[in-house]
């Protein structure tokens, strides 16, 4: 008697289980990646905004000094 388990193994069952799992895993990884990049972007944006505001205050102070002199 031959070993019918190995010769008759149906790969379609394996594929119908693995393909959706891999699909959702890829979507989950993509979502985490996008969330991390969004968080990084807004942290960087906050730092850049504070630098811009500081530069604008310096420019404002300089223009006020030059207006008072003239």
Protein backbone atom coordinates (compact mmCIF):
# COMPACT_ATOMS: atom_id res chain seq x y z
CA UNK A 1 0.00 0.00 0.00
CA UNK A 2 1.41 3.37 -1.02
CA UNK A 3 1.58 6.36 1.23
CA UNK A 4 -1.45 8.21 -0.16
CA UNK A 5 -1.14 11.16 2.22
CA UNK A 6 2.00 12.48 0.54
CA UNK A 7 1.00 11.72 -3.03
CA UNK A 8 -2.52 13.15 -2.73
CA UNK A 9 -1.67 16.27 -0.75
CA UNK A 10 -3.82 19.13 -2.01
CA UNK A 11 -1.89 22.37 -2.26
CA UNK A 12 -5.01 24.40 -3.01
CA UNK A 13 -6.02 24.20 0.66
CA UNK A 14 -2.62 25.50 1.67
CA UNK A 15 -2.84 28.33 -0.87
CA UNK A 16 -6.37 29.30 0.14
CA UNK A 17 -5.12 29.68 3.71
CA UNK A 18 -1.75 31.30 3.04
CA UNK A 19 -2.70 33.82 0.37
CA UNK A 20 -5.27 35.71 2.51
CA UNK A 21 -2.94 35.62 5.52
CA UNK A 22 -0.07 37.03 3.46
CA UNK A 23 -2.38 39.62 1.90
CA UNK A 24 -3.58 40.91 5.27
CA UNK A 25 -0.06 40.78 6.68
CA UNK A 26 1.20 42.96 3.83
CA UNK A 27 -1.67 45.41 4.37
CA UNK A 28 -0.92 45.52 8.11
CA UNK A 29 2.78 46.17 7.50
CA UNK A 30 1.91 48.90 4.99
CA UNK A 31 -0.49 50.55 7.45
CA UNK A 32 2.10 50.51 10.24
CA UNK A 33 4.70 51.94 7.86
CA UNK A 34 2.38 54.78 6.81
CA UNK A 35 1.42 55.56 10.41
CA UNK A 36 5.08 55.72 11.45
CA UNK A 37 5.95 58.00 8.53
CA UNK A 38 3.01 60.27 9.34
CA UNK A 39 4.07 60.56 12.98
CA UNK A 40 7.65 61.29 11.92
CA UNK A 41 6.44 63.92 9.44
CA UNK A 42 4.36 65.79 12.02
CA UNK A 43 7.18 65.72 14.58
CA UNK A 44 9.56 67.17 12.00
CA UNK A 45 6.94 69.69 10.92
CA UNK A 46 6.51 70.91 14.48
CA UNK A 47 10.27 71.46 14.81
CA UNK A 48 10.48 73.25 11.48
CA UNK A 49 7.47 75.41 12.36
CA UNK A 50 9.08 76.52 15.62
CA UNK A 51 12.29 77.42 13.75
CA UNK A 52 10.31 79.40 11.17
CA UNK A 53 8.43 81.25 13.91
CA UNK A 54 11.68 82.09 15.66
CA UNK A 55 13.15 83.42 12.40
CA UNK A 56 10.01 85.47 11.75
CA UNK A 57 10.22 86.99 15.24
CA UNK A 58 13.86 87.93 14.60
CA UNK A 59 12.95 89.52 11.27
CA UNK A 60 10.04 91.35 12.88
CA UNK A 61 12.32 92.68 15.62
CA UNK A 62 14.90 93.82 13.05
CA UNK A 63 12.29 95.61 10.94
CA UNK A 64 10.86 97.34 13.99
CA UNK A 65 14.34 98.55 14.96
CA UNK A 66 14.99 99.85 11.45
CA UNK A 67 11.58 101.58 11.39
CA UNK A 68 12.34 103.34 14.68
CA UNK A 69 15.73 104.57 13.38
CA UNK A 70 14.29 106.16 10.25
